[in-house]
Amino acid sequence: MLVDGKMTSVGGYFIFLNQVKTGGEVIFPQQGIKIRPTVGSVLFFEITKSTYHSFCPVVGSTLWVALRPVHESKDFCVDEDEWL
C-alpha cells in the first residue's frame, strides 16, 4: 500500500523456527482465529484494521519466529523490458 507516495507493508508472514510444547499460538481476536505454531510452517496475513494479532504466552520454553513484511511499491519495475 502506498501512503503519501511511500512504500508501506500490505502483509507479512511468520516463519516458525522451533516447536514448543505449550502456548505460542497466534491469535487474531477479531476473526476468532487461533493458530498453533508448527516448526517450519509459514503463516501469511494481510494487514488490515481487522488483522491485529498477538501471541499466547509460551510455557517452559521459548518460541522463535522470523517475521517478514510484504511491501507494495509503485516503482517495482521501471523498464518494461527489464526482465528480458
PDB file of N, CA and C in Angstrom:
ATOM      1  N   MET A   1       0.852  -1.168   0.000  1.00  0.00           N
ATOM      2  CA  MET A   1       0.000   0.000   0.000  1.00  0.00           C
ATOM      3  C   MET A   1       0.903   1.237   0.000  1.00  0.00           C
ATOM      4  N   LEU A   2       0.552   2.241  -0.775  1.00  0.00           N
ATOM      5  CA  LEU A   2       1.301   3.488  -0.805  1.00  0.00           C
ATOM      6  C   LEU A   2       0.558   4.538  -0.005  1.00  0.00           C
ATOM      7  N   VAL A   3       1.263   5.162   0.908  1.00  0.00           N
ATOM      8  CA  VAL A   3       0.707   6.245   1.705  1.00  0.00           C
ATOM      9  C   VAL A   3       1.595   7.454   1.487  1.00  0.00           C
ATOM     10  N   ASP A   4       1.028   8.505   0.943  1.00  0.00           N
ATOM     11  CA  ASP A   4       1.792   9.715   0.625  1.00  0.00           C
ATOM     12  C   ASP A   4       2.998   9.408  -0.261  1.00  0.00           C
ATOM     13  N   GLY A   5       2.827   8.473  -1.209  1.00  0.00           N
ATOM     14  CA  GLY A   5       3.898   8.132  -2.139  1.00  0.00           C
ATOM     15  C   GLY A   5       4.984   7.253  -1.554  1.00  0.00           C
ATOM     16  N   LYS A   6       4.830   6.777  -0.311  1.00  0.00           N
ATOM     17  CA  LYS A   6       5.846   5.946   0.334  1.00  0.00           C
ATOM     18  C   LYS A   6       5.366   4.505   0.413  1.00  0.00           C
ATOM     19  N   MET A   7       6.332   3.585   0.373  1.00  0.00           N
ATOM     20  CA  MET A   7       6.018   2.168   0.438  1.00  0.00           C
ATOM     21  C   MET A   7       5.645   1.784   1.865  1.00  0.00           C
ATOM     22  N   THR A   8       4.582   1.018   2.021  1.00  0.00           N
ATOM     23  CA  THR A   8       4.170   0.528   3.331  1.00  0.00           C
ATOM     24  C   THR A   8       3.900  -0.970   3.240  1.00  0.00           C
ATOM     25  N   SER A   9       3.794  -1.608   4.378  1.00  0.00           N
ATOM     26  CA  SER A   9       3.523  -3.038   4.408  1.00  0.00           C
ATOM     27  C   SER A   9       2.067  -3.309   4.067  1.00  0.00           C
ATOM     28  N   VAL A  10       1.854  -4.308   3.218  1.00  0.00           N
ATOM     29  CA  VAL A  10       0.496  -4.735   2.890  1.00  0.00           C
ATOM     30  C   VAL A  10       0.195  -6.091   3.519  1.00  0.00           C
ATOM     31  N   GLY A  11       1.201  -6.718   4.018  1.00  0.00           N
ATOM     32  CA  GLY A  11       1.032  -8.021   4.650  1.00  0.00           C
ATOM     33  C   GLY A  11       2.325  -8.428   5.323  1.00  0.00           C
ATOM     34  N   GLY A  12       2.323  -9.630   5.787  1.00  0.00           N
ATOM     35  CA  GLY A  12       3.520 -10.144   6.416  1.00  0.00           C
ATOM     36  C   GLY A  12       3.398 -11.643   6.576  1.00  0.00           C
ATOM     37  N   TYR A  13       4.507 -12.268   6.923  1.00  0.00           N
ATOM     38  CA  TYR A  13       4.417 -13.679   7.238  1.00  0.00           C
ATOM     39  C   TYR A  13       5.370 -14.035   8.354  1.00  0.00           C
ATOM     40  N   PHE A  14       4.917 -14.983   9.170  1.00  0.00           N
ATOM     41  CA  PHE A  14       5.707 -15.536  10.255  1.00  0.00           C
ATOM     42  C   PHE A  14       6.257 -16.876   9.789  1.00  0.00           C
ATOM     43  N   ILE A  15       7.517 -17.128  10.094  1.00  0.00           N
ATOM     44  CA  ILE A  15       8.133 -18.428   9.867  1.00  0.00           C
ATOM     45  C   ILE A  15       8.458 -18.975  11.253  1.00  0.00           C
ATOM     46  N   PHE A  16       7.871 -20.109  11.592  1.00  0.00           N
ATOM     47  CA  PHE A  16       8.070 -20.690  12.923  1.00  0.00           C
ATOM     48  C   PHE A  16       9.324 -21.554  12.906  1.00  0.00           C
ATOM     49  N   LEU A  17      10.307 -21.187  13.731  1.00  0.00           N
ATOM     50  CA  LEU A  17      11.636 -21.779  13.674  1.00  0.00           C
ATOM     51  C   LEU A  17      11.860 -22.912  14.658  1.00  0.00           C
ATOM     52  N   ASN A  18      10.979 -23.081  15.629  1.00  0.00           N
ATOM     53  CA  ASN A  18      11.114 -24.188  16.569  1.00  0.00           C
ATOM     54  C   ASN A  18       9.740 -24.628  17.041  1.00  0.00           C
ATOM     55  N   GLN A  19       9.705 -25.725  17.768  1.00  0.00           N
ATOM     56  CA  GLN A  19       8.461 -26.293  18.284  1.00  0.00           C
ATOM     57  C   GLN A  19       8.395 -26.044  19.787  1.00  0.00           C
ATOM     58  N   VAL A  20       7.230 -25.667  20.278  1.00  0.00           N
ATOM     59  CA  VAL A  20       7.024 -25.512  21.718  1.00  0.00           C
ATOM     60  C   VAL A  20       5.954 -26.503  22.158  1.00  0.00           C
ATOM     61  N   LYS A  21       6.021 -26.932  23.434  1.00  0.00           N
ATOM     62  CA  LYS A  21       5.041 -27.891  23.939  1.00  0.00           C
ATOM     63  C   LYS A  21       3.732 -27.219  24.313  1.00  0.00           C
ATOM     64  N   THR A  22       3.823 -26.038  24.936  1.00  0.00           N
ATOM     65  CA  THR A  22       2.619 -25.373  25.426  1.00  0.00           C
ATOM     66  C   THR A  22       2.661 -23.895  25.089  1.00  0.00           C
ATOM     67  N   GLY A  23       1.554 -23.370  24.533  1.00  0.00           N
ATOM     68  CA  GLY A  23       1.431 -21.946  24.243  1.00  0.00           C
ATOM     69  C   GLY A  23       2.022 -21.581  22.892  1.00  0.00           C
ATOM     70  N   GLY A  24       2.156 -20.266  22.684  1.00  0.00           N
ATOM     71  CA  GLY A  24       2.751 -19.747  21.463  1.00  0.00           C
ATOM     72  C   GLY A  24       1.796 -19.586  20.302  1.00  0.00           C
ATOM     73  N   GLU A  25       0.509 -19.874  20.505  1.00  0.00           N
ATOM     74  CA  GLU A  25      -0.445 -19.729  19.415  1.00  0.00           C
ATOM     75  C   GLU A  25      -0.559 -18.270  18.980  1.00  0.00           C
ATOM     76  N   VAL A  26      -0.798 -18.066  17.684  1.00  0.00           N
ATOM     77  CA  VAL A  26      -1.058 -16.735  17.150  1.00  0.00           C
ATOM     78  C   VAL A  26      -2.568 -16.537  17.185  1.00  0.00           C
ATOM     79  N   ILE A  27      -3.006 -15.413  17.733  1.00  0.00           N
ATOM     80  CA  ILE A  27      -4.436 -15.140  17.846  1.00  0.00           C
ATOM     81  C   ILE A  27      -4.788 -13.916  17.014  1.00  0.00           C
ATOM     82  N   PHE A  28      -5.832 -14.063  16.210  1.00  0.00           N
ATOM     83  CA  PHE A  28      -6.458 -12.955  15.504  1.00  0.00           C
ATOM     84  C   PHE A  28      -7.828 -12.779  16.151  1.00  0.00           C
ATOM     85  N   PRO A  29      -7.924 -11.937  17.200  1.00  0.00           N
ATOM     86  CA  PRO A  29      -9.142 -11.885  18.015  1.00  0.00           C
ATOM     87  C   PRO A  29     -10.397 -11.439  17.273  1.00  0.00           C
ATOM     88  N   GLN A  30     -10.289 -10.537  16.328  1.00  0.00           N
ATOM     89  CA  GLN A  30     -11.483 -10.060  15.639  1.00  0.00           C
ATOM     90  C   GLN A  30     -12.074 -11.123  14.720  1.00  0.00           C
ATOM     91  N   GLN A  31     -11.266 -12.081  14.287  1.00  0.00           N
ATOM     92  CA  GLN A  31     -11.772 -13.169  13.458  1.00  0.00           C
ATOM     93  C   GLN A  31     -12.079 -14.421  14.281  1.00  0.00           C
ATOM     94  N   GLY A  32     -11.649 -14.430  15.546  1.00  0.00           N
ATOM     95  CA  GLY A  32     -11.836 -15.608  16.374  1.00  0.00           C
ATOM     96  C   GLY A  32     -10.952 -16.773  15.951  1.00  0.00           C
ATOM     97  N   ILE A  33      -9.750 -16.464  15.451  1.00  0.00           N
ATOM     98  CA  ILE A  33      -8.843 -17.496  14.938  1.00  0.00           C
ATOM     99  C   ILE A  33      -7.657 -17.653  15.882  1.00  0.00           C
ATOM    100  N   LYS A  34      -7.312 -18.914  16.192  1.00  0.00           N
ATOM    101  CA  LYS A  34      -6.127 -19.239  16.981  1.00  0.00           C
ATOM    102  C   LYS A  34      -5.351 -20.297  16.207  1.00  0.00           C
ATOM    103  N   ILE A  35      -4.065 -20.028  15.930  1.00  0.00           N
ATOM    104  CA  ILE A  35      -3.245 -20.919  15.109  1.00  0.00           C
ATOM    105  C   ILE A  35      -2.062 -21.409  15.927  1.00  0.00           C
ATOM    106  N   ARG A  36      -1.942 -22.726  16.034  1.00  0.00           N
ATOM    107  CA  ARG A  36      -0.833 -23.335  16.778  1.00  0.00           C
ATOM    108  C   ARG A  36       0.398 -23.401  15.881  1.00  0.00           C
ATOM    109  N   PRO A  37       1.541 -22.900  16.369  1.00  0.00           N
ATOM    110  CA  PRO A  37       2.755 -22.922  15.550  1.00  0.00           C
ATOM    111  C   PRO A  37       3.323 -24.336  15.418  1.00  0.00           C
ATOM    112  N   THR A  38       3.817 -24.641  14.223  1.00  0.00           N
ATOM    113  CA  THR A  38       4.496 -25.898  13.946  1.00  0.00           C
ATOM    114  C   THR A  38       5.825 -25.555  13.293  1.00  0.00           C
ATOM    115  N   VAL A  39       6.903 -26.178  13.758  1.00  0.00           N
ATOM    116  CA  VAL A  39       8.231 -25.858  13.239  1.00  0.00           C
ATOM    117  C   VAL A  39       8.251 -26.001  11.713  1.00  0.00           C
ATOM    118  N   GLY A  40       8.791 -24.991  11.037  1.00  0.00           N
ATOM    119  CA  GLY A  40       8.905 -24.985   9.585  1.00  0.00           C
ATOM    120  C   GLY A  40       7.689 -24.455   8.850  1.00  0.00           C
ATOM    121  N   SER A  41       6.588 -24.191   9.562  1.00  0.00           N
ATOM    122  CA  SER A  41       5.398 -23.683   8.877  1.00  0.00           C
ATOM    123  C   SER A  41       5.479 -22.171   8.709  1.00  0.00           C
ATOM    124  N   VAL A  42       4.689 -21.674   7.761  1.00  0.00           N
ATOM    125  CA  VAL A  42       4.652 -20.246   7.455  1.00  0.00           C
ATOM    126  C   VAL A  42       3.199 -19.781   7.537  1.00  0.00           C
ATOM    127  N   LEU A  43       2.991 -18.636   8.168  1.00  0.00           N
ATOM    128  CA  LEU A  43       1.657 -18.057   8.276  1.00  0.00           C
ATOM    129  C   LEU A  43       1.675 -16.691   7.608  1.00  0.00           C
ATOM    130  N   PHE A  44       0.927 -16.543   6.510  1.00  0.00           N
ATOM    131  CA  PHE A  44       0.817 -15.264   5.819  1.00  0.00           C
ATOM    132  C   PHE A  44      -0.458 -14.571   6.255  1.00  0.00           C
ATOM    133  N   PHE A  45      -0.378 -13.240   6.418  1.00  0.00           N
ATOM    134  CA  PHE A  45      -1.575 -12.467   6.740  1.00  0.00           C
ATOM    135  C   PHE A  45      -1.509 -11.118   6.048  1.00  0.00           C
ATOM    136  N   GLU A  46      -2.669 -10.642   5.636  1.00  0.00           N
ATOM    137  CA  GLU A  46      -2.802  -9.319   5.040  1.00  0.00           C
ATOM    138  C   GLU A  46      -2.986  -8.318   6.168  1.00  0.00           C
ATOM    139  N   ILE A  47      -2.386  -7.145   6.043  1.00  0.00           N
ATOM    140  CA  ILE A  47      -2.522  -6.128   7.086  1.00  0.00           C
ATOM    141  C   ILE A  47      -3.751  -5.280   6.792  1.00  0.00           C
ATOM    142  N   THR A  48      -4.739  -5.397   7.670  1.00  0.00           N
ATOM    143  CA  THR A  48      -5.948  -4.584   7.612  1.00  0.00           C
ATOM    144  C   THR A  48      -6.289  -4.178   9.035  1.00  0.00           C
ATOM    145  N   LYS A  49      -7.316  -3.369   9.182  1.00  0.00           N
ATOM    146  CA  LYS A  49      -7.730  -2.968  10.526  1.00  0.00           C
ATOM    147  C   LYS A  49      -8.233  -4.143  11.347  1.00  0.00           C
ATOM    148  N   SER A  50      -8.650  -5.216  10.674  1.00  0.00           N
ATOM    149  CA  SER A  50      -9.203  -6.354  11.401  1.00  0.00           C
ATOM    150  C   SER A  50      -8.217  -7.508  11.563  1.00  0.00           C
ATOM    151  N   THR A  51      -6.944  -7.322  11.198  1.00  0.00           N
ATOM    152  CA  THR A  51      -5.975  -8.417  11.351  1.00  0.00           C
ATOM    153  C   THR A  51      -4.951  -8.151  12.444  1.00  0.00           C
ATOM    154  N   TYR A  52      -5.345  -7.368  13.450  1.00  0.00           N
ATOM    155  CA  TYR A  52      -4.465  -7.234  14.603  1.00  0.00           C
ATOM    156  C   TYR A  52      -4.283  -8.617  15.204  1.00  0.00           C
ATOM    157  N   HIS A  53      -3.091  -8.908  15.694  1.00  0.00           N
ATOM    158  CA  HIS A  53      -2.802 -10.236  16.197  1.00  0.00           C
ATOM    159  C   HIS A  53      -1.897 -10.158  17.419  1.00  0.00           C
ATOM    160  N   SER A  54      -1.825 -11.248  18.136  1.00  0.00           N
ATOM    161  CA  SER A  54      -0.917 -11.361  19.268  1.00  0.00           C
ATOM    162  C   SER A  54      -0.557 -12.828  19.444  1.00  0.00           C
ATOM    163  N   PHE A  55       0.393 -13.089  20.334  1.00  0.00           N
ATOM    164  CA  PHE A  55       0.826 -14.449  20.626  1.00  0.00           C
ATOM    165  C   PHE A  55       0.427 -14.815  22.047  1.00  0.00           C
ATOM    166  N   CYS A  56       0.005 -16.064  22.229  1.00  0.00           N
ATOM    167  CA  CYS A  56      -0.236 -16.576  23.587  1.00  0.00           C
ATOM    168  C   CYS A  56       1.114 -16.790  24.266  1.00  0.00           C
ATOM    169  N   PRO A  57       1.154 -16.683  25.594  1.00  0.00           N
ATOM    170  CA  PRO A  57       2.413 -16.932  26.298  1.00  0.00           C
ATOM    171  C   PRO A  57       2.902 -18.372  26.062  1.00  0.00           C
ATOM    172  N   VAL A  58       4.215 -18.524  26.022  1.00  0.00           N
ATOM    173  CA  VAL A  58       4.843 -19.839  25.892  1.00  0.00           C
ATOM    174  C   VAL A  58       5.246 -20.298  27.291  1.00  0.00           C
ATOM    175  N   VAL A  59       4.936 -21.549  27.624  1.00  0.00           N
ATOM    176  CA  VAL A  59       5.239 -22.092  28.949  1.00  0.00           C
ATOM    177  C   VAL A  59       6.390 -23.074  28.839  1.00  0.00           C
ATOM    178  N   GLY A  60       7.454 -22.844  29.612  1.00  0.00           N
ATOM    179  CA  GLY A  60       8.553 -23.797  29.719  1.00  0.00           C
ATOM    180  C   GLY A  60       9.580 -23.777  28.609  1.00  0.00           C
ATOM    181  N   SER A  61       9.466 -22.899  27.648  1.00  0.00           N
ATOM    182  CA  SER A  61      10.459 -22.810  26.576  1.00  0.00           C
ATOM    183  C   SER A  61      10.360 -21.447  25.915  1.00  0.00           C
ATOM    184  N   THR A  62      10.975 -21.308  24.755  1.00  0.00           N
ATOM    185  CA  THR A  62      10.965 -20.056  24.004  1.00  0.00           C
ATOM    186  C   THR A  62      10.510 -20.331  22.582  1.00  0.00           C
ATOM    187  N   LEU A  63       9.666 -19.461  22.040  1.00  0.00           N
ATOM    188  CA  LEU A  63       9.218 -19.577  20.652  1.00  0.00           C
ATOM    189  C   LEU A  63      10.081 -18.655  19.795  1.00  0.00           C
ATOM    190  N   TRP A  64      10.692 -19.230  18.767  1.00  0.00           N
ATOM    191  CA  TRP A  64      11.487 -18.450  17.828  1.00  0.00           C
ATOM    192  C   TRP A  64      10.694 -18.290  16.532  1.00  0.00           C
ATOM    193  N   VAL A  65      10.484 -17.022  16.128  1.00  0.00           N
ATOM    194  CA  VAL A  65       9.697 -16.700  14.955  1.00  0.00           C
ATOM    195  C   VAL A  65      10.436 -15.651  14.132  1.00  0.00           C
ATOM    196  N   ALA A  66      10.496 -15.854  12.820  1.00  0.00           N
ATOM    197  CA  ALA A  66      11.015 -14.817  11.916  1.00  0.00           C
ATOM    198  C   ALA A  66       9.811 -14.113  11.303  1.00  0.00           C
ATOM    199  N   LEU A  67       9.857 -12.802  11.258  1.00  0.00           N
ATOM    200  CA  LEU A  67       8.782 -12.010  10.658  1.00  0.00           C
ATOM    201  C   LEU A  67       9.320 -11.320   9.422  1.00  0.00           C
ATOM    202  N   ARG A  68       8.587 -11.437   8.334  1.00  0.00           N
ATOM    203  CA  ARG A  68       8.974 -10.774   7.092  1.00  0.00           C
ATOM    204  C   ARG A  68       7.797  -9.953   6.585  1.00  0.00           C
ATOM    205  N   PRO A  69       7.944  -8.629   6.527  1.00  0.00           N
ATOM    206  CA  PRO A  69       6.861  -7.813   5.966  1.00  0.00           C
ATOM    207  C   PRO A  69       6.818  -7.945   4.446  1.00  0.00           C
ATOM    208  N   VAL A  70       5.643  -7.754   3.869  1.00  0.00           N
ATOM    209  CA  VAL A  70       5.456  -7.753   2.429  1.00  0.00           C
ATOM    210  C   VAL A  70       5.079  -6.330   2.042  1.00  0.00           C
ATOM    211  N   HIS A  71       5.861  -5.734   1.139  1.00  0.00           N
ATOM    212  CA  HIS A  71       5.665  -4.341   0.754  1.00  0.00           C
ATOM    213  C   HIS A  71       5.085  -4.233  -0.656  1.00  0.00           C
ATOM    214  N   GLU A  72       4.478  -3.109  -0.905  1.00  0.00           N
ATOM    215  CA  GLU A  72       3.988  -2.778  -2.236  1.00  0.00           C
ATOM    216  C   GLU A  72       4.653  -1.468  -2.631  1.00  0.00           C
ATOM    217  N   SER A  73       5.138  -1.412  -3.849  1.00  0.00           N
ATOM    218  CA  SER A  73       5.802  -0.209  -4.317  1.00  0.00           C
ATOM    219  C   SER A  73       5.339   0.113  -5.731  1.00  0.00           C
ATOM    220  N   LYS A  74       5.090   1.366  -5.989  1.00  0.00           N
ATOM    221  CA  LYS A  74       4.655   1.750  -7.330  1.00  0.00           C
ATOM    222  C   LYS A  74       5.789   1.696  -8.342  1.00  0.00           C
ATOM    223  N   ASP A  75       7.046   1.695  -7.889  1.00  0.00           N
ATOM    224  CA  ASP A  75       8.197   1.704  -8.780  1.00  0.00           C
ATOM    225  C   ASP A  75       8.911   0.351  -8.820  1.00  0.00           C
ATOM    226  N   PHE A  76       8.152  -0.751  -8.711  1.00  0.00           N
ATOM    227  CA  PHE A  76       8.782  -2.066  -8.656  1.00  0.00           C
ATOM    228  C   PHE A  76       9.566  -2.366  -9.928  1.00  0.00           C
ATOM    229  N   CYS A  77       8.944  -2.220 -11.071  1.00  0.00           N
ATOM    230  CA  CYS A  77       9.624  -2.421 -12.357  1.00  0.00           C
ATOM    231  C   CYS A  77       9.588  -1.108 -13.131  1.00  0.00           C
ATOM    232  N   VAL A  78      10.739  -0.540 -13.375  1.00  0.00           N
ATOM    233  CA  VAL A  78      10.805   0.752 -14.040  1.00  0.00           C
ATOM    234  C   VAL A  78      10.700   0.588 -15.549  1.00  0.00           C
ATOM    235  N   ASP A  79      11.504  -0.302 -16.117  1.00  0.00           N
ATOM    236  CA  ASP A  79      11.507  -0.514 -17.567  1.00  0.00           C
ATOM    237  C   ASP A  79      10.673  -1.735 -17.907  1.00  0.00           C
ATOM    238  N   GLU A  80       9.864  -1.609 -18.979  1.00  0.00           N
ATOM    239  CA  GLU A  80       9.039  -2.736 -19.383  1.00  0.00           C
ATOM    240  C   GLU A  80       9.869  -3.934 -19.813  1.00  0.00           C
ATOM    241  N   ASP A  81      11.058  -3.690 -20.390  1.00  0.00           N
ATOM    242  CA  ASP A  81      11.894  -4.804 -20.867  1.00  0.00           C
ATOM    243  C   ASP A  81      12.966  -5.185 -19.842  1.00  0.00           C
ATOM    244  N   GLU A  82      12.793  -4.807 -18.605  1.00  0.00           N
ATOM    245  CA  GLU A  82      13.787  -5.085 -17.562  1.00  0.00           C
ATOM    246  C   GLU A  82      14.029  -6.577 -17.399  1.00  0.00           C
ATOM    247  N   TRP A  83      13.022  -7.420 -17.609  1.00  0.00           N
ATOM    248  CA  TRP A  83      13.143  -8.851 -17.357  1.00  0.00           C
ATOM    249  C   TRP A  83      13.468  -9.648 -18.628  1.00  0.00           C
ATOM    250  N   LEU A  84      13.718  -8.980 -19.746  1.00  0.00           N
ATOM    251  CA  LEU A  84      14.015  -9.684 -20.990  1.00  0.00           C
ATOM    252  C   LEU A  84      15.474 -10.026 -21.094  1.00  0.00           C
TER     253      LEU A  84
END
